[in-house]
Amino acid sequence: MQSPVYLLSWVTGACALWLFWSLGIKRLFLDGFRERLFELRFELFRLGMSNELPYESDTYRTLEMLICGMLRFGHRITFLTYVMCVVEQQRAKKEKDFVDFLSK
């Protein structure tokens, strides 16, 4: 059986990590994520200005709505939702109809 001091140190450490994550690191990750999204949105705007991807196209509007939605609701992304997205991506890669757009 473990001593109460050992258990108390584990609980205290877990609480400290949670506090450190909630008050500091999470905000830094969120700021970096949003900064990258603003860069991507600006690049999308430049593609529209150069008419490589016209403003009226469905692709432009879909990407713009997706990026703006992620900017607005980025604070709702948690570690659990991130893990679930990775699992779903791995599952989708195993399907026969999967197309990897990043490899092109």
C-alpha atoms as a PDB file:
ATOM      1  CA  MET A   1       0.000   0.000   0.000  1.00  0.00           C
ATOM      2  CA  GLN A   2       1.255   3.444  -0.890  1.00  0.00           C
ATOM      3  CA  SER A   3       1.815   6.045   1.755  1.00  0.00           C
ATOM      4  CA  PRO A   4      -0.567   9.032   1.923  1.00  0.00           C
ATOM      5  CA  VAL A   5       2.331  11.429   1.317  1.00  0.00           C
ATOM      6  CA  TYR A   6       3.136   9.681  -1.963  1.00  0.00           C
ATOM      7  CA  LEU A   7      -0.509   9.873  -3.072  1.00  0.00           C
ATOM      8  CA  LEU A   8      -0.763  13.503  -1.998  1.00  0.00           C
ATOM      9  CA  SER A   9       2.327  14.403  -4.028  1.00  0.00           C
ATOM     10  CA  TRP A  10       0.808  12.796  -7.142  1.00  0.00           C
ATOM     11  CA  VAL A  11      -2.481  14.651  -6.687  1.00  0.00           C
ATOM     12  CA  THR A  12      -0.658  17.932  -6.077  1.00  0.00           C
ATOM     13  CA  GLY A  13       1.487  17.412  -9.164  1.00  0.00           C
ATOM     14  CA  ALA A  14      -1.540  16.616 -11.325  1.00  0.00           C
ATOM     15  CA  CYS A  15      -3.345  19.722 -10.059  1.00  0.00           C
ATOM     16  CA  ALA A  16      -0.259  21.863 -10.724  1.00  0.00           C
ATOM     17  CA  LEU A  17       0.007  20.536 -14.269  1.00  0.00           C
ATOM     18  CA  TRP A  18      -3.676  21.206 -14.880  1.00  0.00           C
ATOM     19  CA  LEU A  19      -3.316  24.757 -13.522  1.00  0.00           C
ATOM     20  CA  PHE A  20      -0.196  25.371 -15.611  1.00  0.00           C
ATOM     21  CA  TRP A  21      -2.045  24.138 -18.714  1.00  0.00           C
ATOM     22  CA  SER A  22      -5.222  26.111 -18.020  1.00  0.00           C
ATOM     23  CA  LEU A  23      -3.597  29.415 -17.165  1.00  0.00           C
ATOM     24  CA  GLY A  24      -0.539  29.477 -19.399  1.00  0.00           C
ATOM     25  CA  ILE A  25       0.306  26.986 -22.082  1.00  0.00           C
ATOM     26  CA  LYS A  26      -3.199  26.576 -23.531  1.00  0.00           C
ATOM     27  CA  ARG A  27      -3.416  30.300 -24.277  1.00  0.00           C
ATOM     28  CA  LEU A  28      -0.013  30.260 -25.968  1.00  0.00           C
ATOM     29  CA  PHE A  29      -1.017  27.337 -28.183  1.00  0.00           C
ATOM     30  CA  LEU A  30      -4.306  29.044 -29.002  1.00  0.00           C
ATOM     31  CA  ASP A  31      -2.546  32.285 -29.959  1.00  0.00           C
ATOM     32  CA  GLY A  32      -0.145  30.406 -32.237  1.00  0.00           C
ATOM     33  CA  PHE A  33      -2.998  28.458 -33.804  1.00  0.00           C
ATOM     34  CA  ARG A  34      -4.997  31.608 -34.488  1.00  0.00           C
ATOM     35  CA  GLU A  35      -1.961  33.438 -35.864  1.00  0.00           C
ATOM     36  CA  ARG A  36      -1.400  30.621 -38.358  1.00  0.00           C
ATOM     37  CA  LEU A  37      -5.085  30.730 -39.327  1.00  0.00           C
ATOM     38  CA  PHE A  38      -4.856  34.477 -39.983  1.00  0.00           C
ATOM     39  CA  GLU A  39      -1.861  33.814 -42.239  1.00  0.00           C
ATOM     40  CA  LEU A  40      -3.786  31.146 -44.131  1.00  0.00           C
ATOM     41  CA  ARG A  41      -6.799  33.424 -44.493  1.00  0.00           C
ATOM     42  CA  PHE A  42      -4.582  36.175 -45.884  1.00  0.00           C
ATOM     43  CA  GLU A  43      -3.054  33.726 -48.382  1.00  0.00           C
ATOM     44  CA  LEU A  44      -6.554  32.701 -49.415  1.00  0.00           C
ATOM     45  CA  PHE A  45      -7.415  36.377 -49.906  1.00  0.00           C
ATOM     46  CA  ARG A  46      -4.301  36.834 -52.066  1.00  0.00           C
ATOM     47  CA  LEU A  47      -5.341  33.866 -54.186  1.00  0.00           C
ATOM     48  CA  GLY A  48      -8.707  35.551 -54.672  1.00  0.00           C
ATOM     49  CA  MET A  49      -7.082  38.861 -55.606  1.00  0.00           C
ATOM     50  CA  SER A  50      -4.840  37.213 -58.196  1.00  0.00           C
ATOM     51  CA  ASN A  51      -7.899  35.343 -59.528  1.00  0.00           C
ATOM     52  CA  GLU A  52      -6.216  31.953 -59.084  1.00  0.00           C
ATOM     53  CA  LEU A  53      -9.159  31.048 -56.884  1.00  0.00           C
ATOM     54  CA  PRO A  54     -12.049  33.434 -57.706  1.00  0.00           C
ATOM     55  CA  TYR A  55     -14.071  34.943 -54.873  1.00  0.00           C
ATOM     56  CA  GLU A  56     -17.292  33.607 -56.387  1.00  0.00           C
ATOM     57  CA  SER A  57     -16.177  29.975 -56.415  1.00  0.00           C
ATOM     58  CA  ASP A  58     -17.652  27.494 -53.959  1.00  0.00           C
ATOM     59  CA  THR A  59     -14.155  26.385 -52.939  1.00  0.00           C
ATOM     60  CA  TYR A  60     -13.158  29.895 -51.891  1.00  0.00           C
ATOM     61  CA  ARG A  61     -16.324  30.409 -49.873  1.00  0.00           C
ATOM     62  CA  THR A  62     -16.036  27.011 -48.198  1.00  0.00           C
ATOM     63  CA  LEU A  63     -12.406  27.578 -47.191  1.00  0.00           C
ATOM     64  CA  GLU A  64     -13.176  31.083 -45.956  1.00  0.00           C
ATOM     65  CA  MET A  65     -16.060  29.846 -43.813  1.00  0.00           C
ATOM     66  CA  LEU A  66     -13.940  26.988 -42.448  1.00  0.00           C
ATOM     67  CA  ILE A  67     -11.046  29.254 -41.484  1.00  0.00           C
ATOM     68  CA  CYS A  68     -13.316  31.901 -39.948  1.00  0.00           C
ATOM     69  CA  GLY A  69     -15.153  29.214 -37.980  1.00  0.00           C
ATOM     70  CA  MET A  70     -11.882  27.840 -36.627  1.00  0.00           C
ATOM     71  CA  LEU A  71     -10.811  31.357 -35.655  1.00  0.00           C
ATOM     72  CA  ARG A  72     -14.073  31.921 -33.837  1.00  0.00           C
ATOM     73  CA  PHE A  73     -14.332  28.564 -32.082  1.00  0.00           C
ATOM     74  CA  GLY A  74     -10.646  27.640 -31.705  1.00  0.00           C
ATOM     75  CA  HIS A  75     -10.863  27.974 -27.931  1.00  0.00           C
ATOM     76  CA  ARG A  76     -13.201  24.953 -27.840  1.00  0.00           C
ATOM     77  CA  ILE A  77     -10.546  22.578 -29.150  1.00  0.00           C
ATOM     78  CA  THR A  78      -9.374  20.330 -26.334  1.00  0.00           C
ATOM     79  CA  PHE A  79      -6.825  17.568 -26.130  1.00  0.00           C
ATOM     80  CA  LEU A  80      -9.601  14.986 -26.316  1.00  0.00           C
ATOM     81  CA  THR A  81     -11.078  16.476 -29.502  1.00  0.00           C
ATOM     82  CA  TYR A  82      -7.592  16.602 -31.022  1.00  0.00           C
ATOM     83  CA  VAL A  83      -6.983  12.930 -30.228  1.00  0.00           C
ATOM     84  CA  MET A  84     -10.374  11.980 -31.655  1.00  0.00           C
ATOM     85  CA  CYS A  85      -9.595  13.894 -34.883  1.00  0.00           C
ATOM     86  CA  VAL A  86      -6.300  12.057 -35.266  1.00  0.00           C
ATOM     87  CA  VAL A  87      -8.051   8.711 -34.739  1.00  0.00           C
ATOM     88  CA  GLU A  88     -10.695   9.601 -37.333  1.00  0.00           C
ATOM     89  CA  GLN A  89      -8.011  10.666 -39.821  1.00  0.00           C
ATOM     90  CA  GLN A  90      -6.210   7.347 -39.401  1.00  0.00           C
ATOM     91  CA  ARG A  91      -9.478   5.488 -39.878  1.00  0.00           C
ATOM     92  CA  ALA A  92     -10.289   7.530 -43.007  1.00  0.00           C
ATOM     93  CA  LYS A  93      -6.854   6.771 -44.511  1.00  0.00           C
ATOM     94  CA  LYS A  94      -7.691   3.065 -44.454  1.00  0.00           C
ATOM     95  CA  GLU A  95     -10.787   3.512 -46.618  1.00  0.00           C
ATOM     96  CA  LYS A  96     -10.541   2.823 -50.324  1.00  0.00           C
ATOM     97  CA  ASP A  97     -11.973   6.217 -51.364  1.00  0.00           C
ATOM     98  CA  PHE A  98      -9.421   8.262 -49.368  1.00  0.00           C
ATOM     99  CA  VAL A  99      -7.651  11.049 -51.267  1.00  0.00           C
ATOM    100  CA  ASP A 100      -4.564  12.620 -49.685  1.00  0.00           C
ATOM    101  CA  PHE A 101      -4.597  16.269 -50.778  1.00  0.00           C
ATOM    102  CA  LEU A 102      -1.378  17.069 -48.913  1.00  0.00           C
ATOM    103  CA  SER A 103       0.715  14.768 -51.093  1.00  0.00           C
ATOM    104  CA  LYS A 104      -0.100  16.645 -54.309  1.00  0.00           C
END
